[in-house]
Amino acid sequence: KAKEGPTYYVRQVLAEGDMYVGHRGIFEYESTSHLFDATIWVDASKRGLPREGKDSCEMSPTIHHDFYIDNGGDLWETKAQVDAVYKLILNKKEAINAESS
């Protein structure tokens, strides 16, 4: 559970870096998603492994995310998706910066 509220660990990570990986709870996600330029769901469900239990991770692809990456194919397919999302996020940031200039 969060040490000092749902934003504690996210703020700790963002104090040292630009990315937070691994929201586990819906409340934490909803309380902190405004801190990010984008949220991304990376889905490996096609690998045939059982889903993690809700007692460990409440998150799912049905929760709103800005981007979805299918990590069930080969490495090159996943890399292409990551590259495309990266470019879209950069373009979005450049557009916002241009508007505020």
Protein backbone atom coordinates (compact mmCIF):
# COMPACT_ATOMS: atom_id res chain seq x y z
CA LYS A 1 0.00 0.00 0.00
CA ALA A 2 1.07 3.56 -0.61
CA LYS A 3 3.22 4.98 2.15
CA GLU A 4 1.80 8.52 2.07
CA GLY A 5 -1.17 8.39 -0.25
CA PRO A 6 -1.63 7.14 -3.80
CA THR A 7 0.84 9.61 -5.35
CA TYR A 8 3.78 8.94 -3.01
CA TYR A 9 5.70 6.32 -5.00
CA VAL A 10 4.95 7.92 -8.36
CA ARG A 11 6.28 11.29 -7.14
CA GLN A 12 9.39 9.58 -5.72
CA VAL A 13 10.11 7.94 -9.09
CA LEU A 14 9.40 11.11 -11.09
CA ALA A 15 11.76 13.09 -8.86
CA GLU A 16 14.57 10.94 -10.28
CA GLY A 17 13.38 10.18 -13.82
CA ASP A 18 10.92 10.77 -16.63
CA MET A 19 8.95 7.53 -16.61
CA TYR A 20 6.93 5.45 -14.16
CA VAL A 21 6.29 1.82 -15.02
CA GLY A 22 3.87 -0.48 -13.28
CA HIS A 23 0.72 1.07 -11.91
CA ARG A 24 -0.86 -1.77 -9.95
CA GLY A 25 -4.04 -0.22 -8.58
CA ILE A 26 -6.85 1.71 -10.24
CA PHE A 27 -7.02 4.33 -7.46
CA GLU A 28 -3.28 5.01 -7.75
CA TYR A 29 -3.57 5.25 -11.54
CA GLU A 30 -6.54 7.61 -11.46
CA SER A 31 -4.86 9.74 -8.78
CA THR A 32 -1.63 10.16 -10.74
CA SER A 33 -2.34 9.85 -14.48
CA HIS A 34 -2.50 13.67 -14.74
CA LEU A 35 1.22 13.75 -13.88
CA PHE A 36 2.17 12.13 -17.20
CA ASP A 37 2.34 13.20 -20.83
CA ALA A 38 0.79 9.87 -21.77
CA THR A 39 -0.23 6.53 -20.32
CA ILE A 40 0.55 3.35 -22.23
CA TRP A 41 -0.83 -0.16 -21.81
CA VAL A 42 1.65 -2.84 -22.92
CA ASP A 43 -0.33 -6.03 -23.40
CA ALA A 44 1.25 -9.47 -23.41
CA SER A 45 -1.99 -11.44 -23.06
CA LYS A 46 -1.44 -13.26 -26.38
CA ARG A 47 1.60 -15.04 -24.94
CA GLY A 48 -0.71 -17.60 -23.34
CA LEU A 49 0.28 -16.91 -19.74
CA PRO A 50 -2.46 -16.62 -17.11
CA ARG A 51 -3.50 -13.11 -16.10
CA GLU A 52 -2.16 -11.78 -12.85
CA GLY A 53 -4.75 -11.88 -10.06
CA LYS A 54 -6.72 -8.74 -9.16
CA ASP A 55 -5.33 -8.97 -5.62
CA SER A 56 -1.90 -8.21 -7.13
CA CYS A 57 -2.83 -5.96 -10.08
CA GLU A 58 -6.17 -4.26 -10.68
CA MET A 59 -5.12 -2.73 -13.99
CA SER A 60 -6.41 -3.95 -17.36
CA PRO A 61 -6.48 -2.82 -21.00
CA THR A 62 -10.11 -1.76 -20.57
CA ILE A 63 -9.04 1.17 -18.35
CA HIS A 64 -8.42 4.32 -20.40
CA HIS A 65 -4.84 4.63 -21.66
CA ASP A 66 -3.57 7.03 -24.30
CA PHE A 67 -1.76 4.28 -26.19
CA TYR A 68 -1.90 0.50 -26.47
CA ILE A 69 1.08 -1.65 -27.45
CA ASP A 70 0.58 -5.33 -28.31
CA ASN A 71 3.59 -7.15 -26.91
CA GLY A 72 2.39 -10.56 -28.04
CA GLY A 73 4.11 -10.62 -31.42
CA ASP A 74 7.74 -10.69 -32.39
CA LEU A 75 10.36 -8.20 -31.24
CA TRP A 76 10.27 -6.17 -34.46
CA GLU A 77 6.50 -5.68 -34.30
CA THR A 78 6.74 -4.49 -30.71
CA LYS A 79 9.67 -2.19 -31.53
CA ALA A 80 7.72 -0.62 -34.40
CA GLN A 81 4.80 0.09 -32.07
CA VAL A 82 7.08 1.57 -29.39
CA ASP A 83 8.79 3.78 -31.98
CA ALA A 84 5.42 5.01 -33.31
CA VAL A 85 4.12 5.83 -29.82
CA TYR A 86 7.38 7.61 -28.97
CA LYS A 87 7.08 9.80 -32.08
CA LEU A 88 3.43 10.61 -31.33
CA ILE A 89 4.30 11.65 -27.77
CA LEU A 90 7.16 13.84 -29.01
CA ASN A 91 4.90 15.47 -31.61
CA LYS A 92 2.24 16.11 -28.94
CA LYS A 93 4.82 17.75 -26.64
CA GLU A 94 6.19 19.89 -29.49
CA ALA A 95 2.67 21.05 -30.38
CA ILE A 96 1.93 21.98 -26.77
CA ASN A 97 5.24 23.84 -26.47
CA ALA A 98 4.57 25.72 -29.71
CA GLU A 99 1.14 26.80 -28.46
CA SER A 100 2.56 28.13 -25.20
CA SER A 101 5.36 30.08 -26.93
